[in-house]
Amino acid sequence: MPVDWEERYTNDTVADTEPAPVLADNAHLLPAGGMALDVACGLGGNAVFLARAGLKTFAWDSSPAAVAKLAAWSRDNLLPITAEVRDVVAAPPEPDRFDVITVSRFLERQLAPALIAALRPGGVLFYQTFTRTRVSDRGPGSDRFRLADNELLALFAPLRLLVYREEGRVGDLGRGLRDQAQLVAHKPELG
């Protein structure tokens, strides 16, 4: 059964939203300042984390309910977040615009080249989403919205790999990162 995101976002609150583990666990790789983009932001857990880290943050989602809640919450809490309703496939980010891009629990393969291009030289991508190799029913029901083994590495191969985790069904299935892959990658500086 597909998730009704508008209903979910209407009932959830921004204050209860946490950043993706790939971002929280690797925050030491964030730049001291600059511009950040949270793609498919939902209620903005990543966006709030980035803004609190001192980045001017843009948060895009196709859900008007989520964007409205995040915009109001960020205004009330004086955080530099610009929340927008935006279809990132139809209107991808502009090239060389962002120092940080985060994506979590979202997969649109055709967007990968635009995300790479949108990073400024020296920029960092934080990406975490669901895999086809899994140990639970968490995440999308369709494999179309799940990564094949090591697919995230291939999608972002032009970037320099900093962190990668995809544990699949190896070892103790009750521990570690299961059902998802994480990638942190860097766009090399020019010259």
N, C-alpha and C. Protein backbone atom coordinates (compact mmCIF):
# COMPACT_ATOMS: atom_id res chain seq x y z
N MET A 1 0.84 -1.18 0.00
CA MET A 1 0.00 0.00 0.00
C MET A 1 0.89 1.25 0.00
N PRO A 2 0.70 2.14 -0.97
CA PRO A 2 1.53 3.35 -1.04
C PRO A 2 1.30 4.27 0.15
N VAL A 3 2.35 4.98 0.51
CA VAL A 3 2.27 5.93 1.61
C VAL A 3 1.55 7.19 1.13
N ASP A 4 0.61 7.68 1.93
CA ASP A 4 -0.04 8.96 1.64
C ASP A 4 0.78 10.02 2.37
N TRP A 5 1.74 10.63 1.65
CA TRP A 5 2.67 11.56 2.28
C TRP A 5 1.96 12.79 2.81
N GLU A 6 0.96 13.29 2.12
CA GLU A 6 0.25 14.48 2.62
C GLU A 6 -0.39 14.19 3.97
N GLU A 7 -1.03 13.02 4.10
CA GLU A 7 -1.66 12.66 5.37
C GLU A 7 -0.61 12.49 6.47
N ARG A 8 0.47 11.81 6.12
CA ARG A 8 1.53 11.59 7.11
C ARG A 8 2.12 12.92 7.57
N TYR A 9 2.44 13.81 6.64
CA TYR A 9 3.05 15.08 7.01
C TYR A 9 2.07 15.99 7.74
N THR A 10 0.80 15.84 7.49
CA THR A 10 -0.20 16.64 8.20
C THR A 10 -0.22 16.25 9.67
N ASN A 11 0.03 14.97 9.96
CA ASN A 11 -0.05 14.48 11.34
C ASN A 11 1.28 14.51 12.09
N ASP A 12 2.41 14.55 11.39
CA ASP A 12 3.72 14.58 12.04
C ASP A 12 4.15 16.02 12.30
N THR A 13 5.19 16.17 13.13
CA THR A 13 5.68 17.51 13.43
C THR A 13 7.18 17.62 13.09
N VAL A 14 7.60 18.81 12.75
CA VAL A 14 9.00 19.06 12.44
C VAL A 14 9.88 18.77 13.65
N ALA A 15 9.44 19.14 14.81
CA ALA A 15 10.25 18.98 16.02
C ALA A 15 10.62 17.51 16.29
N ASP A 16 9.82 16.57 15.80
CA ASP A 16 10.08 15.15 16.02
C ASP A 16 10.98 14.54 14.94
N THR A 17 11.40 15.32 13.96
CA THR A 17 12.14 14.81 12.82
C THR A 17 13.64 14.85 13.08
N GLU A 18 14.29 13.71 12.90
CA GLU A 18 15.74 13.60 13.11
C GLU A 18 16.46 13.60 11.76
N PRO A 19 17.72 14.00 11.73
CA PRO A 19 18.48 13.90 10.48
C PRO A 19 18.77 12.43 10.15
N ALA A 20 19.05 12.17 8.90
CA ALA A 20 19.45 10.82 8.49
C ALA A 20 20.76 10.46 9.18
N PRO A 21 20.93 9.21 9.57
CA PRO A 21 22.18 8.81 10.22
C PRO A 21 23.43 9.12 9.38
N VAL A 22 23.34 9.02 8.07
CA VAL A 22 24.52 9.32 7.24
C VAL A 22 25.01 10.75 7.47
N LEU A 23 24.09 11.66 7.73
CA LEU A 23 24.45 13.06 7.99
C LEU A 23 24.89 13.24 9.44
N ALA A 24 24.10 12.75 10.38
CA ALA A 24 24.44 12.92 11.80
C ALA A 24 25.77 12.26 12.15
N ASP A 25 26.01 11.06 11.61
CA ASP A 25 27.23 10.31 11.95
C ASP A 25 28.48 10.86 11.27
N ASN A 26 28.29 11.65 10.22
CA ASN A 26 29.44 12.16 9.46
C ASN A 26 29.46 13.69 9.41
N ALA A 27 28.86 14.31 10.40
CA ALA A 27 28.76 15.78 10.44
C ALA A 27 30.13 16.45 10.45
N HIS A 28 31.15 15.74 10.88
CA HIS A 28 32.50 16.32 10.89
C HIS A 28 33.01 16.60 9.47
N LEU A 29 32.32 16.08 8.45
CA LEU A 29 32.72 16.32 7.07
C LEU A 29 32.02 17.53 6.45
N LEU A 30 31.14 18.18 7.22
CA LEU A 30 30.45 19.38 6.74
C LEU A 30 31.42 20.57 6.68
N PRO A 31 31.25 21.44 5.68
CA PRO A 31 32.04 22.68 5.67
C PRO A 31 31.56 23.62 6.78
N ALA A 32 32.36 24.59 7.12
CA ALA A 32 32.03 25.54 8.18
C ALA A 32 30.90 26.48 7.78
N GLY A 33 30.67 26.65 6.50
CA GLY A 33 29.61 27.53 6.02
C GLY A 33 29.30 27.20 4.58
N GLY A 34 28.42 28.00 3.99
CA GLY A 34 28.07 27.78 2.59
C GLY A 34 26.59 27.50 2.43
N MET A 35 26.25 26.96 1.26
CA MET A 35 24.85 26.70 0.93
C MET A 35 24.61 25.20 0.86
N ALA A 36 23.46 24.77 1.42
CA ALA A 36 23.11 23.36 1.45
C ALA A 36 21.73 23.15 0.86
N LEU A 37 21.51 21.95 0.34
CA LEU A 37 20.22 21.55 -0.21
C LEU A 37 19.82 20.22 0.39
N ASP A 38 18.59 20.15 0.91
CA ASP A 38 17.98 18.91 1.38
C ASP A 38 16.94 18.51 0.34
N VAL A 39 17.24 17.47 -0.45
CA VAL A 39 16.36 17.00 -1.53
C VAL A 39 15.32 16.04 -0.96
N ALA A 40 14.06 16.21 -1.38
CA ALA A 40 12.96 15.38 -0.86
C ALA A 40 12.97 15.46 0.66
N CYS A 41 12.91 16.68 1.17
CA CYS A 41 13.18 16.98 2.58
C CYS A 41 12.14 16.46 3.56
N GLY A 42 10.92 16.17 3.11
CA GLY A 42 9.90 15.81 4.07
C GLY A 42 9.74 16.93 5.09
N LEU A 43 9.72 16.59 6.35
CA LEU A 43 9.57 17.60 7.40
C LEU A 43 10.89 18.27 7.78
N GLY A 44 11.97 17.90 7.09
CA GLY A 44 13.20 18.68 7.19
C GLY A 44 14.19 18.31 8.26
N GLY A 45 14.25 17.08 8.68
CA GLY A 45 15.26 16.69 9.68
C GLY A 45 16.67 17.03 9.24
N ASN A 46 16.99 16.75 7.97
CA ASN A 46 18.32 17.09 7.46
C ASN A 46 18.49 18.60 7.35
N ALA A 47 17.46 19.28 6.87
CA ALA A 47 17.53 20.74 6.69
C ALA A 47 17.76 21.45 8.02
N VAL A 48 17.05 21.05 9.04
CA VAL A 48 17.21 21.66 10.36
C VAL A 48 18.63 21.42 10.87
N PHE A 49 19.13 20.21 10.72
CA PHE A 49 20.50 19.87 11.14
C PHE A 49 21.51 20.75 10.41
N LEU A 50 21.35 20.89 9.09
CA LEU A 50 22.28 21.70 8.29
C LEU A 50 22.23 23.17 8.68
N ALA A 51 21.02 23.70 8.89
CA ALA A 51 20.88 25.11 9.27
C ALA A 51 21.52 25.35 10.64
N ARG A 52 21.32 24.43 11.56
CA ARG A 52 21.93 24.57 12.89
C ARG A 52 23.44 24.47 12.82
N ALA A 53 23.96 23.82 11.79
CA ALA A 53 25.41 23.71 11.60
C ALA A 53 25.99 24.96 10.92
N GLY A 54 25.13 25.95 10.63
CA GLY A 54 25.62 27.20 10.08
C GLY A 54 25.53 27.34 8.58
N LEU A 55 24.82 26.43 7.91
CA LEU A 55 24.68 26.50 6.45
C LEU A 55 23.36 27.17 6.07
N LYS A 56 23.42 28.02 5.05
CA LYS A 56 22.19 28.57 4.48
C LYS A 56 21.54 27.44 3.71
N THR A 57 20.35 27.04 4.13
CA THR A 57 19.78 25.78 3.68
C THR A 57 18.51 25.95 2.86
N PHE A 58 18.45 25.20 1.76
CA PHE A 58 17.26 25.09 0.93
C PHE A 58 16.70 23.69 1.14
N ALA A 59 15.39 23.58 1.26
CA ALA A 59 14.73 22.29 1.48
C ALA A 59 13.60 22.16 0.47
N TRP A 60 13.69 21.14 -0.37
CA TRP A 60 12.71 20.96 -1.45
C TRP A 60 11.97 19.64 -1.26
N ASP A 61 10.65 19.70 -1.46
CA ASP A 61 9.83 18.50 -1.41
C ASP A 61 8.60 18.73 -2.27
N SER A 62 7.99 17.66 -2.73
CA SER A 62 6.77 17.76 -3.54
C SER A 62 5.52 17.88 -2.68
N SER A 63 5.65 17.72 -1.37
CA SER A 63 4.50 17.78 -0.46
C SER A 63 4.28 19.19 0.06
N PRO A 64 3.17 19.84 -0.32
CA PRO A 64 2.86 21.16 0.23
C PRO A 64 2.72 21.17 1.75
N ALA A 65 2.15 20.10 2.32
CA ALA A 65 1.97 20.05 3.78
C ALA A 65 3.32 20.05 4.49
N ALA A 66 4.25 19.24 4.00
CA ALA A 66 5.58 19.18 4.63
C ALA A 66 6.31 20.50 4.51
N VAL A 67 6.29 21.08 3.33
CA VAL A 67 6.99 22.35 3.09
C VAL A 67 6.40 23.47 3.95
N ALA A 68 5.09 23.53 4.04
CA ALA A 68 4.44 24.57 4.85
C ALA A 68 4.84 24.44 6.32
N LYS A 69 4.84 23.22 6.83
CA LYS A 69 5.22 23.01 8.24
C LYS A 69 6.68 23.39 8.48
N LEU A 70 7.55 22.96 7.59
CA LEU A 70 8.97 23.27 7.75
C LEU A 70 9.22 24.77 7.64
N ALA A 71 8.58 25.43 6.70
CA ALA A 71 8.77 26.88 6.53
C ALA A 71 8.32 27.64 7.78
N ALA A 72 7.16 27.28 8.31
CA ALA A 72 6.66 27.94 9.51
C ALA A 72 7.56 27.67 10.71
N TRP A 73 7.98 26.43 10.87
CA TRP A 73 8.83 26.06 11.99
C TRP A 73 10.18 26.78 11.92
N SER A 74 10.77 26.84 10.73
CA SER A 74 12.08 27.50 10.60
C SER A 74 11.97 29.00 10.85
N ARG A 75 10.87 29.60 10.43
CA ARG A 75 10.64 31.03 10.72
C ARG A 75 10.53 31.25 12.23
N ASP A 76 9.71 30.42 12.89
CA ASP A 76 9.50 30.56 14.33
C ASP A 76 10.79 30.32 15.12
N ASN A 77 11.69 29.50 14.59
CA ASN A 77 12.93 29.17 15.28
C ASN A 77 14.15 29.90 14.73
N LEU A 78 13.89 30.87 13.85
CA LEU A 78 14.93 31.74 13.31
C LEU A 78 16.09 30.98 12.67
N LEU A 79 15.75 29.94 11.91
CA LEU A 79 16.78 29.17 11.20
C LEU A 79 16.77 29.54 9.72
N PRO A 80 17.94 29.63 9.10
CA PRO A 80 18.03 30.04 7.69
C PRO A 80 17.70 28.90 6.73
N ILE A 81 16.39 28.56 6.68
CA ILE A 81 15.92 27.50 5.78
C ILE A 81 14.91 28.10 4.81
N THR A 82 15.13 27.89 3.52
CA THR A 82 14.17 28.27 2.50
C THR A 82 13.50 26.99 2.03
N ALA A 83 12.26 26.78 2.45
CA ALA A 83 11.52 25.55 2.10
C ALA A 83 10.64 25.84 0.89
N GLU A 84 10.72 24.95 -0.11
CA GLU A 84 9.97 25.15 -1.35
C GLU A 84 9.34 23.86 -1.82
N VAL A 85 8.12 23.97 -2.35
CA VAL A 85 7.51 22.85 -3.06
C VAL A 85 8.18 22.80 -4.42
N ARG A 86 8.81 21.66 -4.72
CA ARG A 86 9.55 21.57 -5.98
C ARG A 86 9.67 20.11 -6.41
N ASP A 87 9.38 19.85 -7.66
CA ASP A 87 9.59 18.55 -8.28
C ASP A 87 11.03 18.56 -8.78
N VAL A 88 11.92 17.87 -8.07
CA VAL A 88 13.34 17.94 -8.39
C VAL A 88 13.70 17.25 -9.71
N VAL A 89 12.84 16.37 -10.18
CA VAL A 89 13.10 15.73 -11.47
C VAL A 89 12.80 16.70 -12.60
N ALA A 90 11.66 17.39 -12.50
CA ALA A 90 11.29 18.37 -13.52
C ALA A 90 12.14 19.63 -13.43
N ALA A 91 12.55 20.00 -12.22
CA ALA A 91 13.35 21.22 -12.01
C ALA A 91 14.52 20.89 -11.09
N PRO A 92 15.55 20.22 -11.63
CA PRO A 92 16.70 19.85 -10.79
C PRO A 92 17.49 21.08 -10.34
N PRO A 93 18.35 20.90 -9.35
CA PRO A 93 19.15 22.04 -8.88
C PRO A 93 20.10 22.53 -9.97
N GLU A 94 20.40 23.81 -9.91
CA GLU A 94 21.29 24.45 -10.87
C GLU A 94 22.73 24.00 -10.64
N PRO A 95 23.54 23.95 -11.70
CA PRO A 95 24.95 23.54 -11.54
C PRO A 95 25.75 24.49 -10.64
N ASP A 96 26.72 23.91 -9.93
CA ASP A 96 27.67 24.67 -9.10
C ASP A 96 27.01 25.60 -8.10
N ARG A 97 25.96 25.16 -7.46
CA ARG A 97 25.23 26.03 -6.54
C ARG A 97 25.42 25.68 -5.07
N PHE A 98 25.65 24.40 -4.76
CA PHE A 98 25.61 23.98 -3.35
C PHE A 98 26.93 23.41 -2.86
N ASP A 99 27.21 23.69 -1.59
CA ASP A 99 28.39 23.14 -0.92
C ASP A 99 28.08 21.80 -0.27
N VAL A 100 26.80 21.57 0.01
CA VAL A 100 26.34 20.32 0.62
C VAL A 100 24.99 19.96 0.00
N ILE A 101 24.83 18.68 -0.32
CA ILE A 101 23.52 18.17 -0.74
C ILE A 101 23.24 16.92 0.09
N THR A 102 22.03 16.83 0.63
CA THR A 102 21.61 15.63 1.35
C THR A 102 20.39 15.04 0.66
N VAL A 103 20.36 13.71 0.64
CA VAL A 103 19.21 12.97 0.12
C VAL A 103 19.02 11.77 1.04
N SER A 104 17.81 11.59 1.55
CA SER A 104 17.56 10.40 2.36
C SER A 104 16.16 9.87 2.08
N ARG A 105 16.09 8.56 2.02
CA ARG A 105 14.83 7.85 1.78
C ARG A 105 14.15 8.31 0.49
N PHE A 106 14.93 8.57 -0.54
CA PHE A 106 14.43 8.99 -1.84
C PHE A 106 15.37 8.48 -2.91
N LEU A 107 14.81 7.97 -4.00
CA LEU A 107 15.65 7.47 -5.09
C LEU A 107 15.01 7.80 -6.42
N GLU A 108 15.70 8.62 -7.18
CA GLU A 108 15.35 8.92 -8.57
C GLU A 108 16.66 8.90 -9.32
N ARG A 109 16.95 7.75 -9.94
CA ARG A 109 18.26 7.52 -10.55
C ARG A 109 18.65 8.59 -11.56
N GLN A 110 17.70 9.06 -12.36
CA GLN A 110 18.01 10.04 -13.41
C GLN A 110 18.46 11.38 -12.85
N LEU A 111 18.28 11.59 -11.55
CA LEU A 111 18.66 12.84 -10.91
C LEU A 111 20.15 12.87 -10.53
N ALA A 112 20.81 11.71 -10.50
CA ALA A 112 22.20 11.64 -10.04
C ALA A 112 23.14 12.60 -10.78
N PRO A 113 23.14 12.66 -12.13
CA PRO A 113 24.05 13.61 -12.80
C PRO A 113 23.79 15.07 -12.42
N ALA A 114 22.53 15.43 -12.23
CA ALA A 114 22.20 16.81 -11.84
C ALA A 114 22.69 17.11 -10.42
N LEU A 115 22.62 16.13 -9.53
CA LEU A 115 23.12 16.35 -8.17
C LEU A 115 24.63 16.52 -8.17
N ILE A 116 25.32 15.72 -8.96
CA ILE A 116 26.78 15.87 -9.07
C ILE A 116 27.11 17.26 -9.61
N ALA A 117 26.42 17.67 -10.66
CA ALA A 117 26.66 18.99 -11.28
C ALA A 117 26.33 20.12 -10.32
N ALA A 118 25.33 19.94 -9.46
CA ALA A 118 24.89 21.00 -8.54
C ALA A 118 25.88 21.26 -7.42
N LEU A 119 26.75 20.30 -7.16
CA LEU A 119 27.78 20.51 -6.13
C LEU A 119 28.86 21.45 -6.65
N ARG A 120 29.24 22.40 -5.83
CA ARG A 120 30.39 23.24 -6.14
C ARG A 120 31.65 22.40 -5.96
N PRO A 121 32.76 22.77 -6.61
CA PRO A 121 34.02 22.07 -6.32
C PRO A 121 34.30 22.14 -4.81
N GLY A 122 34.62 20.99 -4.23
CA GLY A 122 34.81 20.90 -2.79
C GLY A 122 33.55 20.52 -2.04
N GLY A 123 32.42 20.47 -2.75
CA GLY A 123 31.14 20.15 -2.11
C GLY A 123 31.04 18.69 -1.71
N VAL A 124 30.11 18.42 -0.78
CA VAL A 124 29.95 17.08 -0.23
C VAL A 124 28.49 16.62 -0.37
N LEU A 125 28.32 15.38 -0.81
CA LEU A 125 27.02 14.74 -0.93
C LEU A 125 26.85 13.72 0.19
N PHE A 126 25.72 13.78 0.89
CA PHE A 126 25.35 12.81 1.92
C PHE A 126 24.10 12.11 1.42
N TYR A 127 24.16 10.80 1.20
CA TYR A 127 23.03 10.08 0.59
C TYR A 127 22.77 8.79 1.37
N GLN A 128 21.51 8.55 1.69
CA GLN A 128 21.11 7.32 2.36
C GLN A 128 19.73 6.93 1.89
N THR A 129 19.60 5.69 1.39
CA THR A 129 18.28 5.20 1.01
C THR A 129 18.25 3.69 1.05
N PHE A 130 17.09 3.14 0.74
CA PHE A 130 16.83 1.72 0.90
C PHE A 130 17.43 0.86 -0.22
N THR A 131 17.77 -0.37 0.15
CA THR A 131 18.36 -1.33 -0.78
C THR A 131 17.40 -2.50 -1.01
N ARG A 132 17.63 -3.18 -2.14
CA ARG A 132 16.84 -4.38 -2.46
C ARG A 132 17.21 -5.54 -1.53
N THR A 133 18.48 -5.62 -1.16
CA THR A 133 18.92 -6.64 -0.22
C THR A 133 18.55 -6.14 1.17
N ARG A 134 17.66 -6.87 1.82
CA ARG A 134 17.12 -6.37 3.10
C ARG A 134 16.80 -7.51 4.05
N VAL A 135 16.62 -7.12 5.30
CA VAL A 135 16.28 -8.10 6.32
C VAL A 135 14.92 -7.82 6.95
N SER A 136 14.26 -6.73 6.54
CA SER A 136 12.95 -6.38 7.09
C SER A 136 12.06 -5.82 5.97
N ASP A 137 10.87 -5.42 6.35
CA ASP A 137 9.92 -4.84 5.38
C ASP A 137 9.97 -3.31 5.36
N ARG A 138 10.93 -2.71 6.04
CA ARG A 138 11.03 -1.24 6.05
C ARG A 138 11.28 -0.71 4.65
N GLY A 139 10.70 0.43 4.36
CA GLY A 139 10.95 1.09 3.09
C GLY A 139 9.96 0.73 2.01
N PRO A 140 10.23 1.19 0.79
CA PRO A 140 9.30 1.00 -0.32
C PRO A 140 9.08 -0.47 -0.65
N GLY A 141 7.87 -0.79 -1.10
CA GLY A 141 7.56 -2.15 -1.50
C GLY A 141 8.13 -2.51 -2.86
N SER A 142 8.29 -1.53 -3.72
CA SER A 142 8.76 -1.76 -5.08
C SER A 142 10.28 -1.64 -5.18
N ASP A 143 10.89 -2.60 -5.88
CA ASP A 143 12.33 -2.54 -6.10
C ASP A 143 12.74 -1.36 -6.95
N ARG A 144 11.80 -0.76 -7.67
CA ARG A 144 12.10 0.43 -8.47
C ARG A 144 12.64 1.55 -7.58
N PHE A 145 12.20 1.60 -6.33
CA PHE A 145 12.61 2.65 -5.41
C PHE A 145 13.66 2.16 -4.41
N ARG A 146 14.34 1.06 -4.76
CA ARG A 146 15.40 0.50 -3.92
C ARG A 146 16.65 0.30 -4.75
N LEU A 147 17.78 0.46 -4.13
CA LEU A 147 19.07 0.31 -4.79
C LEU A 147 19.45 -1.16 -4.96
N ALA A 148 20.02 -1.50 -6.09
CA ALA A 148 20.67 -2.79 -6.26
C ALA A 148 21.99 -2.76 -5.48
N ASP A 149 22.60 -3.92 -5.30
CA ASP A 149 23.88 -3.98 -4.57
C ASP A 149 24.91 -3.05 -5.22
N ASN A 150 25.51 -2.20 -4.41
CA ASN A 150 26.55 -1.25 -4.82
C ASN A 150 26.11 -0.23 -5.87
N GLU A 151 24.82 -0.11 -6.12
CA GLU A 151 24.34 0.84 -7.13
C GLU A 151 24.64 2.28 -6.76
N LEU A 152 24.58 2.62 -5.50
CA LEU A 152 24.84 3.99 -5.08
C LEU A 152 26.27 4.39 -5.44
N LEU A 153 27.20 3.45 -5.32
CA LEU A 153 28.59 3.72 -5.72
C LEU A 153 28.67 4.04 -7.21
N ALA A 154 27.95 3.29 -8.02
CA ALA A 154 27.98 3.51 -9.47
C ALA A 154 27.32 4.83 -9.85
N LEU A 155 26.20 5.15 -9.22
CA LEU A 155 25.49 6.39 -9.56
C LEU A 155 26.35 7.63 -9.33
N PHE A 156 27.19 7.59 -8.31
CA PHE A 156 27.98 8.76 -7.95
C PHE A 156 29.49 8.52 -8.12
N ALA A 157 29.84 7.65 -9.06
CA ALA A 157 31.24 7.30 -9.32
C ALA A 157 32.13 8.51 -9.65
N PRO A 158 31.62 9.57 -10.30
CA PRO A 158 32.51 10.71 -10.58
C PRO A 158 33.00 11.45 -9.32
N LEU A 159 32.34 11.23 -8.19
CA LEU A 159 32.74 11.89 -6.95
C LEU A 159 33.78 11.04 -6.21
N ARG A 160 34.54 11.69 -5.35
CA ARG A 160 35.54 10.99 -4.52
C ARG A 160 34.85 10.42 -3.29
N LEU A 161 34.90 9.13 -3.13
CA LEU A 161 34.25 8.44 -2.02
C LEU A 161 34.94 8.76 -0.69
N LEU A 162 34.15 9.15 0.29
CA LEU A 162 34.66 9.40 1.65
C LEU A 162 34.18 8.33 2.62
N VAL A 163 32.88 7.97 2.52
CA VAL A 163 32.28 6.98 3.43
C VAL A 163 31.29 6.16 2.62
N TYR A 164 31.30 4.84 2.84
CA TYR A 164 30.27 4.00 2.21
C TYR A 164 29.94 2.85 3.15
N ARG A 165 28.63 2.58 3.28
CA ARG A 165 28.16 1.45 4.09
C ARG A 165 26.98 0.81 3.39
N GLU A 166 27.05 -0.47 3.22
CA GLU A 166 25.95 -1.26 2.68
C GLU A 166 26.22 -2.69 3.13
N GLU A 167 25.57 -3.12 4.19
CA GLU A 167 25.92 -4.38 4.83
C GLU A 167 25.08 -5.57 4.37
N GLY A 168 23.97 -5.30 3.69
CA GLY A 168 23.15 -6.37 3.14
C GLY A 168 22.76 -7.42 4.16
N ARG A 169 23.05 -8.67 3.83
CA ARG A 169 22.69 -9.79 4.69
C ARG A 169 23.93 -10.51 5.22
N VAL A 170 25.03 -9.79 5.38
CA VAL A 170 26.29 -10.37 5.85
C VAL A 170 26.38 -10.26 7.37
N GLY A 171 26.82 -11.34 8.01
CA GLY A 171 27.08 -11.31 9.45
C GLY A 171 25.82 -11.36 10.30
N ASP A 172 25.91 -10.76 11.49
CA ASP A 172 24.82 -10.73 12.47
C ASP A 172 23.74 -9.77 11.96
N LEU A 173 22.62 -10.32 11.47
CA LEU A 173 21.56 -9.51 10.86
C LEU A 173 20.81 -8.64 11.87
N GLY A 174 21.03 -8.85 13.15
CA GLY A 174 20.39 -8.04 14.18
C GLY A 174 21.17 -6.78 14.53
N ARG A 175 22.32 -6.60 13.89
CA ARG A 175 23.16 -5.44 14.19
C ARG A 175 23.58 -4.75 12.91
N GLY A 176 24.02 -3.51 13.04
CA GLY A 176 24.59 -2.78 11.91
C GLY A 176 23.55 -2.06 11.08
N LEU A 177 23.98 -1.64 9.91
CA LEU A 177 23.12 -0.90 8.97
C LEU A 177 22.47 -1.91 8.03
N ARG A 178 21.21 -2.13 8.19
CA ARG A 178 20.50 -3.10 7.36
C ARG A 178 19.42 -2.39 6.55
N ASP A 179 19.12 -2.93 5.39
CA ASP A 179 18.05 -2.44 4.51
C ASP A 179 18.38 -1.14 3.80
N GLN A 180 19.55 -0.56 4.05
CA GLN A 180 19.90 0.73 3.45
C GLN A 180 21.38 0.78 3.08
N ALA A 181 21.68 1.76 2.22
CA ALA A 181 23.07 2.07 1.89
C ALA A 181 23.31 3.54 2.23
N GLN A 182 24.54 3.85 2.61
CA GLN A 182 24.94 5.22 2.92
C GLN A 182 26.18 5.58 2.10
N LEU A 183 26.19 6.80 1.61
CA LEU A 183 27.35 7.29 0.87
C LEU A 183 27.61 8.74 1.26
N VAL A 184 28.87 9.05 1.48
CA VAL A 184 29.32 10.43 1.60
C VAL A 184 30.43 10.57 0.56
N ALA A 185 30.28 11.55 -0.34
CA ALA A 185 31.24 11.71 -1.42
C ALA A 185 31.53 13.20 -1.64
N HIS A 186 32.71 13.46 -2.16
CA HIS A 186 33.25 14.81 -2.29
C HIS A 186 33.50 15.13 -3.75
N LYS A 187 33.13 16.34 -4.18
CA LYS A 187 33.45 16.78 -5.55
C LYS A 187 34.82 17.44 -5.48
N PRO A 188 35.80 16.90 -6.19
CA PRO A 188 37.16 17.45 -6.09
C PRO A 188 37.22 18.92 -6.47
N GLU A 189 38.17 19.60 -5.84
CA GLU A 189 38.44 21.00 -6.16
C GLU A 189 39.02 21.08 -7.57
N LEU A 190 38.81 22.18 -8.24
CA LEU A 190 39.39 22.38 -9.57
C LEU A 190 40.88 22.64 -9.45
N GLY A 191 41.63 22.19 -10.47
CA GLY A 191 43.06 22.50 -10.53
C GLY A 191 43.92 21.55 -9.87
